[in-house]
Every structure is written in C-alpha cells, then in structure tokens.
C-alpha cells in the first residue's frame, strides 16, 4: 500500500506519495499549513484514480477537462506528469523520466496507490 508522507521543508510543508516499495511517485507543491497539505493529499486520493491523461507531447493533443494528468516535456527534455484537480490547481508532480512509457507507468502507480494510501509523518 502507498503512503502520503508529510514533511516539513524550509518554506512550508509538503507530501510525497510513495509506492509500497517506498519509491516516491509524486510530490506536492509546498503548502503553508499542515491542514492545506492534508487537503491536497485528499484531492489526490479523489482525483488520481479517475483523471484522464492529456498527452501534451504529441501534436494536436486532445485537451481533457479537469481533473487530469498532464504529460509534458520539461526544459531538459524529460517526460513529467502533473495532476490537476477539478479546479485546475496543480496537486502533484512527478520526477523527470527519460522515456514516456516510464512516465505513464508513474501515472498508473499514482492511480493504484493513492486511493488507500495512509497519511504518515515522514521520518
């Protein structure tokens, strides 16, 4: 089972969604309060399993309604995804992947792990 690991950072508080093996599969923005961070984790739980994928790396991609996963290329040419909530706000981001297939596997891992992920404080 995945986990939302809540942790303090110098500029606020954030979460990492980890898979059962402990690998980080998505990270949140930095929030100013623990309560808003917990709301962000709940939003991932709610939206992650149902959000369609909008692949912005292909020409004339189909724009999806929110919530959605956006797959895109970063400035370094790596594939990344971000999960946007129903209101269009970014709620989770991935690391960079060299292959699009790996990025898509990351999205599937979020979908699989987020619904039942336990919320814990990071060590």
PDB file of N, CA and C in Angstrom:
ATOM      1  N   UNK A   1       0.846  -1.186   0.000  1.00  0.00           N
ATOM      2  CA  UNK A   1       0.000   0.000   0.000  1.00  0.00           C
ATOM      3  C   UNK A   1       0.888   1.246   0.000  1.00  0.00           C
ATOM      4  N   UNK A   2       0.462   2.254  -0.744  1.00  0.00           N
ATOM      5  CA  UNK A   2       1.203   3.509  -0.796  1.00  0.00           C
ATOM      6  C   UNK A   2       1.012   4.342   0.458  1.00  0.00           C
ATOM      7  N   UNK A   3       1.796   5.408   0.541  1.00  0.00           N
ATOM      8  CA  UNK A   3       1.708   6.313   1.689  1.00  0.00           C
ATOM      9  C   UNK A   3       1.871   7.753   1.214  1.00  0.00           C
ATOM     10  N   UNK A   4       1.151   8.643   1.867  1.00  0.00           N
ATOM     11  CA  UNK A   4       1.394  10.069   1.737  1.00  0.00           C
ATOM     12  C   UNK A   4       2.304  10.429   2.909  1.00  0.00           C
ATOM     13  N   UNK A   5       3.549  10.758   2.615  1.00  0.00           N
ATOM     14  CA  UNK A   5       4.493  11.112   3.673  1.00  0.00           C
ATOM     15  C   UNK A   5       4.561  12.631   3.770  1.00  0.00           C
ATOM     16  N   UNK A   6       4.072  13.131   4.896  1.00  0.00           N
ATOM     17  CA  UNK A   6       4.021  14.568   5.153  1.00  0.00           C
ATOM     18  C   UNK A   6       5.349  14.996   5.770  1.00  0.00           C
ATOM     19  N   UNK A   7       5.927  16.076   5.238  1.00  0.00           N
ATOM     20  CA  UNK A   7       7.190  16.530   5.831  1.00  0.00           C
ATOM     21  C   UNK A   7       7.331  18.036   5.745  1.00  0.00           C
ATOM     22  N   UNK A   8       8.010  18.558   6.757  1.00  0.00           N
ATOM     23  CA  UNK A   8       8.320  19.981   6.792  1.00  0.00           C
ATOM     24  C   UNK A   8       9.534  20.246   5.918  1.00  0.00           C
ATOM     25  N   UNK A   9       9.479  21.341   5.184  1.00  0.00           N
ATOM     26  CA  UNK A   9      10.602  21.810   4.375  1.00  0.00           C
ATOM     27  C   UNK A   9      10.850  23.262   4.777  1.00  0.00           C
ATOM     28  N   UNK A  10      11.999  23.826   4.407  1.00  0.00           N
ATOM     29  CA  UNK A  10      12.308  25.195   4.849  1.00  0.00           C
ATOM     30  C   UNK A  10      11.232  26.239   4.535  1.00  0.00           C
ATOM     31  N   UNK A  11      10.471  26.030   3.456  1.00  0.00           N
ATOM     32  CA  UNK A  11       9.479  27.032   3.062  1.00  0.00           C
ATOM     33  C   UNK A  11       8.040  26.662   3.420  1.00  0.00           C
ATOM     34  N   UNK A  12       7.813  25.534   4.111  1.00  0.00           N
ATOM     35  CA  UNK A  12       6.458  25.135   4.483  1.00  0.00           C
ATOM     36  C   UNK A  12       6.344  23.651   4.734  1.00  0.00           C
ATOM     37  N   UNK A  13       5.310  23.028   4.175  1.00  0.00           N
ATOM     38  CA  UNK A  13       5.042  21.612   4.389  1.00  0.00           C
ATOM     39  C   UNK A  13       4.560  21.001   3.070  1.00  0.00           C
ATOM     40  N   UNK A  14       4.964  19.755   2.784  1.00  0.00           N
ATOM     41  CA  UNK A  14       4.575  19.092   1.541  1.00  0.00           C
ATOM     42  C   UNK A  14       4.401  17.611   1.788  1.00  0.00           C
ATOM     43  N   UNK A  15       3.900  16.895   0.771  1.00  0.00           N
ATOM     44  CA  UNK A  15       3.817  15.448   0.870  1.00  0.00           C
ATOM     45  C   UNK A  15       4.483  14.809  -0.332  1.00  0.00           C
ATOM     46  N   UNK A  16       4.951  13.595  -0.105  1.00  0.00           N
ATOM     47  CA  UNK A  16       5.409  12.709  -1.166  1.00  0.00           C
ATOM     48  C   UNK A  16       4.476  11.516  -1.144  1.00  0.00           C
ATOM     49  N   UNK A  17       3.950  11.136  -2.307  1.00  0.00           N
ATOM     50  CA  UNK A  17       3.189   9.895  -2.425  1.00  0.00           C
ATOM     51  C   UNK A  17       4.184   8.818  -2.788  1.00  0.00           C
ATOM     52  N   UNK A  18       4.258   7.780  -1.951  1.00  0.00           N
ATOM     53  CA  UNK A  18       5.199   6.693  -2.202  1.00  0.00           C
ATOM     54  C   UNK A  18       4.443   5.410  -2.522  1.00  0.00           C
ATOM     55  N   UNK A  19       5.071   4.569  -3.333  1.00  0.00           N
ATOM     56  CA  UNK A  19       4.528   3.247  -3.640  1.00  0.00           C
ATOM     57  C   UNK A  19       4.817   2.311  -2.471  1.00  0.00           C
ATOM     58  N   UNK A  20       4.296   1.105  -2.552  1.00  0.00           N
ATOM     59  CA  UNK A  20       4.502   0.119  -1.483  1.00  0.00           C
ATOM     60  C   UNK A  20       5.981  -0.151  -1.229  1.00  0.00           C
ATOM     61  N   UNK A  21       6.813  -0.022  -2.270  1.00  0.00           N
ATOM     62  CA  UNK A  21       8.250  -0.263  -2.107  1.00  0.00           C
ATOM     63  C   UNK A  21       8.997   0.952  -1.553  1.00  0.00           C
ATOM     64  N   UNK A  22       8.277   2.031  -1.235  1.00  0.00           N
ATOM     65  CA  UNK A  22       8.889   3.224  -0.653  1.00  0.00           C
ATOM     66  C   UNK A  22       9.368   4.245  -1.679  1.00  0.00           C
ATOM     67  N   UNK A  23       9.272   3.913  -2.964  1.00  0.00           N
ATOM     68  CA  UNK A  23       9.723   4.832  -4.007  1.00  0.00           C
ATOM     69  C   UNK A  23       8.736   5.992  -4.149  1.00  0.00           C
ATOM     70  N   UNK A  24       9.259   7.222  -4.253  1.00  0.00           N
ATOM     71  CA  UNK A  24       8.421   8.403  -4.439  1.00  0.00           C
ATOM     72  C   UNK A  24       7.881   8.400  -5.869  1.00  0.00           C
ATOM     73  N   UNK A  25       6.554   8.509  -5.993  1.00  0.00           N
ATOM     74  CA  UNK A  25       5.943   8.521  -7.323  1.00  0.00           C
ATOM     75  C   UNK A  25       5.323   9.872  -7.667  1.00  0.00           C
ATOM     76  N   UNK A  26       5.073  10.701  -6.665  1.00  0.00           N
ATOM     77  CA  UNK A  26       4.561  12.055  -6.909  1.00  0.00           C
ATOM     78  C   UNK A  26       4.834  12.914  -5.679  1.00  0.00           C
ATOM     79  N   UNK A  27       4.995  14.202  -5.932  1.00  0.00           N
ATOM     80  CA  UNK A  27       5.294  15.168  -4.880  1.00  0.00           C
ATOM     81  C   UNK A  27       4.309  16.328  -4.991  1.00  0.00           C
ATOM     82  N   UNK A  28       3.961  16.896  -3.858  1.00  0.00           N
ATOM     83  CA  UNK A  28       3.042  18.037  -3.860  1.00  0.00           C
ATOM     84  C   UNK A  28       3.806  19.347  -3.975  1.00  0.00           C
ATOM     85  N   UNK A  29       3.022  20.406  -4.138  1.00  0.00           N
ATOM     86  CA  UNK A  29       3.582  21.738  -4.001  1.00  0.00           C
ATOM     87  C   UNK A  29       3.885  21.951  -2.514  1.00  0.00           C
ATOM     88  N   UNK A  30       4.502  23.056  -2.181  1.00  0.00           N
ATOM     89  CA  UNK A  30       4.755  23.383  -0.777  1.00  0.00           C
ATOM     90  C   UNK A  30       3.574  24.207  -0.271  1.00  0.00           C
ATOM     91  N   UNK A  31       2.986  23.739   0.821  1.00  0.00           N
ATOM     92  CA  UNK A  31       1.835  24.405   1.431  1.00  0.00           C
ATOM     93  C   UNK A  31       2.290  25.210   2.645  1.00  0.00           C
ATOM     94  N   UNK A  32       1.464  26.167   3.045  1.00  0.00           N
ATOM     95  CA  UNK A  32       1.818  26.986   4.210  1.00  0.00           C
ATOM     96  C   UNK A  32       1.362  26.353   5.515  1.00  0.00           C
ATOM     97  N   UNK A  33       0.321  25.487   5.457  1.00  0.00           N
ATOM     98  CA  UNK A  33      -0.169  24.849   6.681  1.00  0.00           C
ATOM     99  C   UNK A  33      -0.317  23.341   6.484  1.00  0.00           C
ATOM    100  N   UNK A  34      -0.267  22.635   7.588  1.00  0.00           N
ATOM    101  CA  UNK A  34      -0.464  21.185   7.554  1.00  0.00           C
ATOM    102  C   UNK A  34      -1.865  20.855   7.036  1.00  0.00           C
ATOM    103  N   UNK A  35      -2.852  21.622   7.469  1.00  0.00           N
ATOM    104  CA  UNK A  35      -4.236  21.377   7.057  1.00  0.00           C
ATOM    105  C   UNK A  35      -4.379  21.476   5.540  1.00  0.00           C
ATOM    106  N   UNK A  36      -3.776  22.485   4.923  1.00  0.00           N
ATOM    107  CA  UNK A  36      -3.888  22.616   3.462  1.00  0.00           C
ATOM    108  C   UNK A  36      -3.126  21.490   2.761  1.00  0.00           C
ATOM    109  N   UNK A  37      -2.034  21.019   3.355  1.00  0.00           N
ATOM    110  CA  UNK A  37      -1.288  19.887   2.802  1.00  0.00           C
ATOM    111  C   UNK A  37      -2.144  18.621   2.847  1.00  0.00           C
ATOM    112  N   UNK A  38      -2.835  18.399   3.943  1.00  0.00           N
ATOM    113  CA  UNK A  38      -3.713  17.232   4.072  1.00  0.00           C
ATOM    114  C   UNK A  38      -4.867  17.308   3.069  1.00  0.00           C
ATOM    115  N   UNK A  39      -5.371  18.511   2.824  1.00  0.00           N
ATOM    116  CA  UNK A  39      -6.424  18.684   1.819  1.00  0.00           C
ATOM    117  C   UNK A  39      -5.889  18.349   0.426  1.00  0.00           C
ATOM    118  N   UNK A  40      -4.631  18.703   0.172  1.00  0.00           N
ATOM    119  CA  UNK A  40      -4.001  18.359  -1.102  1.00  0.00           C
ATOM    120  C   UNK A  40      -3.903  16.852  -1.284  1.00  0.00           C
ATOM    121  N   UNK A  41      -3.513  16.142  -0.223  1.00  0.00           N
ATOM    122  CA  UNK A  41      -3.430  14.679  -0.285  1.00  0.00           C
ATOM    123  C   UNK A  41      -4.814  14.080  -0.543  1.00  0.00           C
ATOM    124  N   UNK A  42      -5.835  14.617   0.105  1.00  0.00           N
ATOM    125  CA  UNK A  42      -7.201  14.130  -0.123  1.00  0.00           C
ATOM    126  C   UNK A  42      -7.641  14.384  -1.563  1.00  0.00           C
ATOM    127  N   UNK A  43      -7.215  15.494  -2.122  1.00  0.00           N
ATOM    128  CA  UNK A  43      -7.547  15.807  -3.513  1.00  0.00           C
ATOM    129  C   UNK A  43      -6.896  14.801  -4.470  1.00  0.00           C
ATOM    130  N   UNK A  44      -5.668  14.385  -4.162  1.00  0.00           N
ATOM    131  CA  UNK A  44      -5.009  13.359  -4.978  1.00  0.00           C
ATOM    132  C   UNK A  44      -5.790  12.055  -4.860  1.00  0.00           C
ATOM    133  N   UNK A  45      -6.200  11.692  -3.651  1.00  0.00           N
ATOM    134  CA  UNK A  45      -6.999  10.472  -3.448  1.00  0.00           C
ATOM    135  C   UNK A  45      -8.273  10.491  -4.288  1.00  0.00           C
ATOM    136  N   UNK A  46      -8.926  11.648  -4.306  1.00  0.00           N
ATOM    137  CA  UNK A  46     -10.205  11.791  -5.010  1.00  0.00           C
ATOM    138  C   UNK A  46     -10.009  11.813  -6.529  1.00  0.00           C
ATOM    139  N   UNK A  47      -9.041  12.586  -7.006  1.00  0.00           N
ATOM    140  CA  UNK A  47      -8.899  12.833  -8.437  1.00  0.00           C
ATOM    141  C   UNK A  47      -7.979  11.853  -9.166  1.00  0.00           C
ATOM    142  N   UNK A  48      -6.974  11.334  -8.487  1.00  0.00           N
ATOM    143  CA  UNK A  48      -5.997  10.466  -9.132  1.00  0.00           C
ATOM    144  C   UNK A  48      -6.575   9.260  -9.850  1.00  0.00           C
ATOM    145  N   UNK A  49      -7.488   8.520  -9.221  1.00  0.00           N
ATOM    146  CA  UNK A  49      -7.995   7.311  -9.856  1.00  0.00           C
ATOM    147  C   UNK A  49      -8.857   7.563 -11.095  1.00  0.00           C
ATOM    148  N   UNK A  50      -9.452   8.750 -11.218  1.00  0.00           N
ATOM    149  CA  UNK A  50     -10.411   8.999 -12.298  1.00  0.00           C
ATOM    150  C   UNK A  50      -9.905   9.960 -13.373  1.00  0.00           C
ATOM    151  N   UNK A  51      -8.802  10.623 -13.120  1.00  0.00           N
ATOM    152  CA  UNK A  51      -8.321  11.656 -14.044  1.00  0.00           C
ATOM    153  C   UNK A  51      -7.804  11.046 -15.347  1.00  0.00           C
ATOM    154  N   UNK A  52      -8.277  11.549 -16.490  1.00  0.00           N
ATOM    155  CA  UNK A  52      -7.744  11.094 -17.770  1.00  0.00           C
ATOM    156  C   UNK A  52      -6.352  11.675 -18.014  1.00  0.00           C
ATOM    157  N   UNK A  53      -5.677  11.164 -19.022  1.00  0.00           N
ATOM    158  CA  UNK A  53      -4.338  11.637 -19.363  1.00  0.00           C
ATOM    159  C   UNK A  53      -4.418  12.545 -20.585  1.00  0.00           C
ATOM    160  N   UNK A  54      -3.845  13.729 -20.442  1.00  0.00           N
ATOM    161  CA  UNK A  54      -3.700  14.667 -21.556  1.00  0.00           C
ATOM    162  C   UNK A  54      -2.225  14.657 -21.952  1.00  0.00           C
ATOM    163  N   UNK A  55      -1.926  14.052 -23.091  1.00  0.00           N
ATOM    164  CA  UNK A  55      -0.538  13.898 -23.539  1.00  0.00           C
ATOM    165  C   UNK A  55      -0.126  15.108 -24.373  1.00  0.00           C
ATOM    166  N   UNK A  56       0.530  16.055 -23.719  1.00  0.00           N
ATOM    167  CA  UNK A  56       0.936  17.298 -24.378  1.00  0.00           C
ATOM    168  C   UNK A  56       2.208  17.142 -25.199  1.00  0.00           C
ATOM    169  N   UNK A  57       2.722  15.920 -25.286  1.00  0.00           N
ATOM    170  CA  UNK A  57       3.951  15.686 -26.050  1.00  0.00           C
ATOM    171  C   UNK A  57       3.656  15.315 -27.498  1.00  0.00           C
ATOM    172  N   UNK A  58       2.379  15.179 -27.835  1.00  0.00           N
ATOM    173  CA  UNK A  58       2.017  14.845 -29.213  1.00  0.00           C
ATOM    174  C   UNK A  58       1.344  16.046 -29.870  1.00  0.00           C
ATOM    175  N   UNK A  59       1.493  16.129 -31.190  1.00  0.00           N
ATOM    176  CA  UNK A  59       0.887  17.214 -31.935  1.00  0.00           C
ATOM    177  C   UNK A  59      -0.633  17.101 -31.883  1.00  0.00           C
ATOM    178  N   UNK A  60      -1.287  18.238 -31.801  1.00  0.00           N
ATOM    179  CA  UNK A  60      -2.758  18.304 -31.789  1.00  0.00           C
ATOM    180  C   UNK A  60      -3.382  17.405 -30.718  1.00  0.00           C
ATOM    181  N   UNK A  61      -2.770  17.426 -29.517  1.00  0.00           N
ATOM    182  CA  UNK A  61      -3.287  16.584 -28.434  1.00  0.00           C
ATOM    183  C   UNK A  61      -4.713  17.000 -28.056  1.00  0.00           C
ATOM    184  N   UNK A  62      -5.452  16.020 -27.552  1.00  0.00           N
ATOM    185  CA  UNK A  62      -6.825  16.262 -27.111  1.00  0.00           C
ATOM    186  C   UNK A  62      -6.800  16.882 -25.723  1.00  0.00           C
ATOM    187  N   UNK A  63      -7.404  18.057 -25.600  1.00  0.00           N
ATOM    188  CA  UNK A  63      -7.480  18.693 -24.287  1.00  0.00           C
ATOM    189  C   UNK A  63      -8.564  18.018 -23.460  1.00  0.00           C
ATOM    190  N   UNK A  64      -8.183  17.622 -22.256  1.00  0.00           N
ATOM    191  CA  UNK A  64      -9.110  16.968 -21.334  1.00  0.00           C
ATOM    192  C   UNK A  64      -9.624  17.983 -20.320  1.00  0.00           C
ATOM    193  N   UNK A  65     -10.786  17.687 -19.746  1.00  0.00           N
ATOM    194  CA  UNK A  65     -11.326  18.532 -18.674  1.00  0.00           C
ATOM    195  C   UNK A  65     -10.625  18.169 -17.364  1.00  0.00           C
ATOM    196  N   UNK A  66     -10.646  19.099 -16.421  1.00  0.00           N
ATOM    197  CA  UNK A  66     -10.104  18.842 -15.095  1.00  0.00           C
ATOM    198  C   UNK A  66     -11.068  17.946 -14.330  1.00  0.00           C
ATOM    199  N   UNK A  67     -10.628  17.060 -13.483  1.00  0.00           N
ATOM    200  CA  UNK A  67      -9.228  16.760 -13.169  1.00  0.00           C
ATOM    201  C   UNK A  67      -8.571  15.998 -14.315  1.00  0.00           C
ATOM    202  N   UNK A  68      -7.234  16.103 -14.363  1.00  0.00           N
ATOM    203  CA  UNK A  68      -6.495  15.396 -15.407  1.00  0.00           C
ATOM    204  C   UNK A  68      -5.023  15.294 -15.045  1.00  0.00           C
ATOM    205  N   UNK A  69      -4.386  14.296 -15.651  1.00  0.00           N
ATOM    206  CA  UNK A  69      -2.936  14.192 -15.634  1.00  0.00           C
ATOM    207  C   UNK A  69      -2.446  14.844 -16.916  1.00  0.00           C
ATOM    208  N   UNK A  70      -1.471  15.720 -16.813  1.00  0.00           N
ATOM    209  CA  UNK A  70      -0.838  16.304 -17.987  1.00  0.00           C
ATOM    210  C   UNK A  70       0.552  15.697 -18.130  1.00  0.00           C
ATOM    211  N   UNK A  71       0.827  15.114 -19.288  1.00  0.00           N
ATOM    212  CA  UNK A  71       2.155  14.587 -19.596  1.00  0.00           C
ATOM    213  C   UNK A  71       2.820  15.621 -20.493  1.00  0.00           C
ATOM    214  N   UNK A  72       4.045  16.025 -20.136  1.00  0.00           N
ATOM    215  CA  UNK A  72       4.728  17.068 -20.889  1.00  0.00           C
ATOM    216  C   UNK A  72       6.232  16.839 -20.863  1.00  0.00           C
ATOM    217  N   UNK A  73       6.942  17.552 -21.711  1.00  0.00           N
ATOM    218  CA  UNK A  73       8.411  17.533 -21.725  1.00  0.00           C
ATOM    219  C   UNK A  73       8.910  18.756 -20.981  1.00  0.00           C
ATOM    220  N   UNK A  74       9.872  18.552 -20.063  1.00  0.00           N
ATOM    221  CA  UNK A  74      10.446  19.684 -19.348  1.00  0.00           C
ATOM    222  C   UNK A  74      11.593  20.298 -20.161  1.00  0.00           C
ATOM    223  N   UNK A  75      12.215  21.326 -19.610  1.00  0.00           N
ATOM    224  CA  UNK A  75      13.287  22.030 -20.329  1.00  0.00           C
ATOM    225  C   UNK A  75      14.483  21.137 -20.626  1.00  0.00           C
ATOM    226  N   UNK A  76      14.673  20.102 -19.834  1.00  0.00           N
ATOM    227  CA  UNK A  76      15.791  19.177 -20.044  1.00  0.00           C
ATOM    228  C   UNK A  76      15.434  18.060 -21.029  1.00  0.00           C
ATOM    229  N   UNK A  77      14.193  18.078 -21.545  1.00  0.00           N
ATOM    230  CA  UNK A  77      13.770  17.053 -22.494  1.00  0.00           C
ATOM    231  C   UNK A  77      13.292  15.773 -21.840  1.00  0.00           C
ATOM    232  N   UNK A  78      12.994  15.831 -20.534  1.00  0.00           N
ATOM    233  CA  UNK A  78      12.494  14.652 -19.830  1.00  0.00           C
ATOM    234  C   UNK A  78      10.970  14.713 -19.737  1.00  0.00           C
ATOM    235  N   UNK A  79      10.363  13.526 -19.690  1.00  0.00           N
ATOM    236  CA  UNK A  79       8.914  13.428 -19.549  1.00  0.00           C
ATOM    237  C   UNK A  79       8.536  13.582 -18.090  1.00  0.00           C
ATOM    238  N   UNK A  80       7.488  14.327 -17.842  1.00  0.00           N
ATOM    239  CA  UNK A  80       6.961  14.526 -16.490  1.00  0.00           C
ATOM    240  C   UNK A  80       5.445  14.516 -16.562  1.00  0.00           C
ATOM    241  N   UNK A  81       4.824  14.301 -15.395  1.00  0.00           N
ATOM    242  CA  UNK A  81       3.374  14.473 -15.314  1.00  0.00           C
ATOM    243  C   UNK A  81       3.047  15.361 -14.140  1.00  0.00           C
ATOM    244  N   UNK A  82       1.911  16.003 -14.251  1.00  0.00           N
ATOM    245  CA  UNK A  82       1.343  16.751 -13.128  1.00  0.00           C
ATOM    246  C   UNK A  82      -0.130  16.394 -13.078  1.00  0.00           C
ATOM    247  N   UNK A  83      -0.641  16.284 -11.869  1.00  0.00           N
ATOM    248  CA  UNK A  83      -2.054  16.006 -11.651  1.00  0.00           C
ATOM    249  C   UNK A  83      -2.719  17.316 -11.289  1.00  0.00           C
ATOM    250  N   UNK A  84      -3.754  17.650 -12.038  1.00  0.00           N
ATOM    251  CA  UNK A  84      -4.513  18.872 -11.770  1.00  0.00           C
ATOM    252  C   UNK A  84      -5.872  18.488 -11.203  1.00  0.00           C
ATOM    253  N   UNK A  85      -6.306  19.242 -10.207  1.00  0.00           N
ATOM    254  CA  UNK A  85      -7.595  18.995  -9.553  1.00  0.00           C
ATOM    255  C   UNK A  85      -8.740  19.524 -10.413  1.00  0.00           C
ATOM    256  N   UNK A  86      -9.955  19.319  -9.960  1.00  0.00           N
ATOM    257  CA  UNK A  86     -11.150  19.777 -10.678  1.00  0.00           C
ATOM    258  C   UNK A  86     -11.142  21.275 -10.929  1.00  0.00           C
ATOM    259  N   UNK A  87     -10.497  22.023 -10.010  1.00  0.00           N
ATOM    260  CA  UNK A  87     -10.445  23.480 -10.152  1.00  0.00           C
ATOM    261  C   UNK A  87      -9.242  23.955 -10.980  1.00  0.00           C
ATOM    262  N   UNK A  88      -8.460  23.009 -11.525  1.00  0.00           N
ATOM    263  CA  UNK A  88      -7.309  23.370 -12.353  1.00  0.00           C
ATOM    264  C   UNK A  88      -6.015  23.575 -11.599  1.00  0.00           C
ATOM    265  N   UNK A  89      -6.055  23.472 -10.274  1.00  0.00           N
ATOM    266  CA  UNK A  89      -4.839  23.642  -9.469  1.00  0.00           C
ATOM    267  C   UNK A  89      -3.954  22.408  -9.576  1.00  0.00           C
ATOM    268  N   UNK A  90      -2.640  22.635  -9.611  1.00  0.00           N
ATOM    269  CA  UNK A  90      -1.683  21.530  -9.579  1.00  0.00           C
ATOM    270  C   UNK A  90      -1.683  20.925  -8.183  1.00  0.00           C
ATOM    271  N   UNK A  91      -1.812  19.594  -8.110  1.00  0.00           N
ATOM    272  CA  UNK A  91      -1.805  18.957  -6.783  1.00  0.00           C
ATOM    273  C   UNK A  91      -0.707  17.923  -6.616  1.00  0.00           C
ATOM    274  N   UNK A  92      -0.093  17.477  -7.702  1.00  0.00           N
ATOM    275  CA  UNK A  92       1.016  16.528  -7.583  1.00  0.00           C
ATOM    276  C   UNK A  92       1.850  16.564  -8.859  1.00  0.00           C
ATOM    277  N   UNK A  93       3.136  16.321  -8.687  1.00  0.00           N
ATOM    278  CA  UNK A  93       4.096  16.369  -9.789  1.00  0.00           C
ATOM    279  C   UNK A  93       4.969  15.128  -9.744  1.00  0.00           C
ATOM    280  N   UNK A  94       5.508  14.751 -10.900  1.00  0.00           N
ATOM    281  CA  UNK A  94       6.428  13.615 -10.946  1.00  0.00           C
ATOM    282  C   UNK A  94       7.863  14.093 -11.063  1.00  0.00           C
ATOM    283  N   UNK A  95       8.759  13.121 -10.953  1.00  0.00           N
ATOM    284  CA  UNK A  95      10.156  13.340 -11.295  1.00  0.00           C
ATOM    285  C   UNK A  95      10.265  13.333 -12.816  1.00  0.00           C
ATOM    286  N   UNK A  96      11.451  13.580 -13.337  1.00  0.00           N
ATOM    287  CA  UNK A  96      11.670  13.502 -14.774  1.00  0.00           C
ATOM    288  C   UNK A  96      11.972  12.073 -15.194  1.00  0.00           C
ATOM    289  N   UNK A  97      11.429  11.662 -16.328  1.00  0.00           N
ATOM    290  CA  UNK A  97      11.662  10.329 -16.894  1.00  0.00           C
ATOM    291  C   UNK A  97      12.279  10.480 -18.271  1.00  0.00           C
ATOM    292  N   UNK A  98      13.209   9.606 -18.616  1.00  0.00           N
ATOM    293  CA  UNK A  98      13.813   9.661 -19.950  1.00  0.00           C
ATOM    294  C   UNK A  98      12.901   9.048 -21.003  1.00  0.00           C
ATOM    295  N   UNK A  99      11.994   8.160 -20.606  1.00  0.00           N
ATOM    296  CA  UNK A  99      11.080   7.501 -21.542  1.00  0.00           C
ATOM    297  C   UNK A  99       9.633   7.821 -21.180  1.00  0.00           C
ATOM    298  N   UNK A 100       8.814   8.073 -22.190  1.00  0.00           N
ATOM    299  CA  UNK A 100       7.404   8.363 -21.953  1.00  0.00           C
ATOM    300  C   UNK A 100       6.712   7.165 -21.298  1.00  0.00           C
ATOM    301  N   UNK A 101       7.082   5.951 -21.691  1.00  0.00           N
ATOM    302  CA  UNK A 101       6.470   4.752 -21.107  1.00  0.00           C
ATOM    303  C   UNK A 101       6.660   4.726 -19.589  1.00  0.00           C
ATOM    304  N   UNK A 102       7.821   5.144 -19.128  1.00  0.00           N
ATOM    305  CA  UNK A 102       8.076   5.181 -17.678  1.00  0.00           C
ATOM    306  C   UNK A 102       7.211   6.229 -17.004  1.00  0.00           C
ATOM    307  N   UNK A 103       7.023   7.356 -17.658  1.00  0.00           N
ATOM    308  CA  UNK A 103       6.157   8.414 -17.129  1.00  0.00           C
ATOM    309  C   UNK A 103       4.724   7.899 -17.002  1.00  0.00           C
ATOM    310  N   UNK A 104       4.251   7.199 -18.016  1.00  0.00           N
ATOM    311  CA  UNK A 104       2.898   6.652 -17.986  1.00  0.00           C
ATOM    312  C   UNK A 104       2.753   5.588 -16.896  1.00  0.00           C
ATOM    313  N   UNK A 105       3.813   4.815 -16.660  1.00  0.00           N
ATOM    314  CA  UNK A 105       3.799   3.844 -15.552  1.00  0.00           C
ATOM    315  C   UNK A 105       3.711   4.567 -14.211  1.00  0.00           C
ATOM    316  N   UNK A 106       4.352   5.737 -14.125  1.00  0.00           N
ATOM    317  CA  UNK A 106       4.258   6.547 -12.907  1.00  0.00           C
ATOM    318  C   UNK A 106       2.827   6.970 -12.634  1.00  0.00           C
ATOM    319  N   UNK A 107       2.106   7.365 -13.683  1.00  0.00           N
ATOM    320  CA  UNK A 107       0.696   7.738 -13.527  1.00  0.00           C
ATOM    321  C   UNK A 107      -0.112   6.539 -13.054  1.00  0.00           C
ATOM    322  N   UNK A 108       0.133   5.382 -13.646  1.00  0.00           N
ATOM    323  CA  UNK A 108      -0.587   4.173 -13.225  1.00  0.00           C
ATOM    324  C   UNK A 108      -0.288   3.838 -11.771  1.00  0.00           C
ATOM    325  N   UNK A 109       0.939   4.084 -11.344  1.00  0.00           N
ATOM    326  CA  UNK A 109       1.299   3.835  -9.951  1.00  0.00           C
ATOM    327  C   UNK A 109       0.562   4.794  -9.018  1.00  0.00           C
ATOM    328  N   UNK A 110       0.420   6.055  -9.423  1.00  0.00           N
ATOM    329  CA  UNK A 110      -0.365   7.006  -8.621  1.00  0.00           C
ATOM    330  C   UNK A 110      -1.791   6.500  -8.515  1.00  0.00           C
ATOM    331  N   UNK A 111      -2.379   6.125  -9.639  1.00  0.00           N
ATOM    332  CA  UNK A 111      -3.771   5.636  -9.637  1.00  0.00           C
ATOM    333  C   UNK A 111      -3.947   4.430  -8.724  1.00  0.00           C
ATOM    334  N   UNK A 112      -2.971   3.551  -8.738  1.00  0.00           N
ATOM    335  CA  UNK A 112      -3.039   2.324  -7.935  1.00  0.00           C
ATOM    336  C   UNK A 112      -2.836   2.605  -6.448  1.00  0.00           C
ATOM    337  N   UNK A 113      -1.910   3.496  -6.127  1.00  0.00           N
ATOM    338  CA  UNK A 113      -1.517   3.690  -4.733  1.00  0.00           C
ATOM    339  C   UNK A 113      -2.280   4.774  -3.977  1.00  0.00           C
ATOM    340  N   UNK A 114      -2.840   5.770  -4.662  1.00  0.00           N
ATOM    341  CA  UNK A 114      -3.418   6.892  -3.939  1.00  0.00           C
ATOM    342  C   UNK A 114      -4.735   6.614  -3.210  1.00  0.00           C
ATOM    343  N   UNK A 115      -5.632   5.764  -3.728  1.00  0.00           N
ATOM    344  CA  UNK A 115      -6.932   5.647  -3.049  1.00  0.00           C
ATOM    345  C   UNK A 115      -6.856   5.191  -1.594  1.00  0.00           C
ATOM    346  N   UNK A 116      -5.966   4.250  -1.303  1.00  0.00           N
ATOM    347  CA  UNK A 116      -5.878   3.698   0.050  1.00  0.00           C
ATOM    348  C   UNK A 116      -4.606   4.103   0.787  1.00  0.00           C
ATOM    349  N   UNK A 117      -3.892   5.084   0.232  1.00  0.00           N
ATOM    350  CA  UNK A 117      -2.617   5.482   0.841  1.00  0.00           C
ATOM    351  C   UNK A 117      -2.833   6.062   2.231  1.00  0.00           C
ATOM    352  N   UNK A 118      -2.049   5.580   3.144  1.00  0.00           N
ATOM    353  CA  UNK A 118      -2.074   6.044   4.533  1.00  0.00           C
ATOM    354  C   UNK A 118      -1.325   7.375   4.600  1.00  0.00           C
ATOM    355  N   UNK A 119      -1.792   8.277   5.464  1.00  0.00           N
ATOM    356  CA  UNK A 119      -1.090   9.540   5.671  1.00  0.00           C
ATOM    357  C   UNK A 119      -0.225   9.400   6.914  1.00  0.00           C
ATOM    358  N   UNK A 120       1.085   9.602   6.727  1.00  0.00           N
ATOM    359  CA  UNK A 120       2.035   9.456   7.833  1.00  0.00           C
ATOM    360  C   UNK A 120       2.989  10.646   7.834  1.00  0.00           C
ATOM    361  N   UNK A 121       3.615  10.868   8.974  1.00  0.00           N
ATOM    362  CA  UNK A 121       4.661  11.877   9.046  1.00  0.00           C
ATOM    363  C   UNK A 121       5.971  11.222   8.615  1.00  0.00           C
ATOM    364  N   UNK A 122       6.707  11.910   7.738  1.00  0.00           N
ATOM    365  CA  UNK A 122       7.989  11.388   7.276  1.00  0.00           C
ATOM    366  C   UNK A 122       8.968  11.342   8.444  1.00  0.00           C
ATOM    367  N   UNK A 123       9.849  10.347   8.402  1.00  0.00           N
ATOM    368  CA  UNK A 123      10.826  10.211   9.492  1.00  0.00           C
ATOM    369  C   UNK A 123      11.813  11.350   9.436  1.00  0.00           C
TER     370      UNK A 123
END
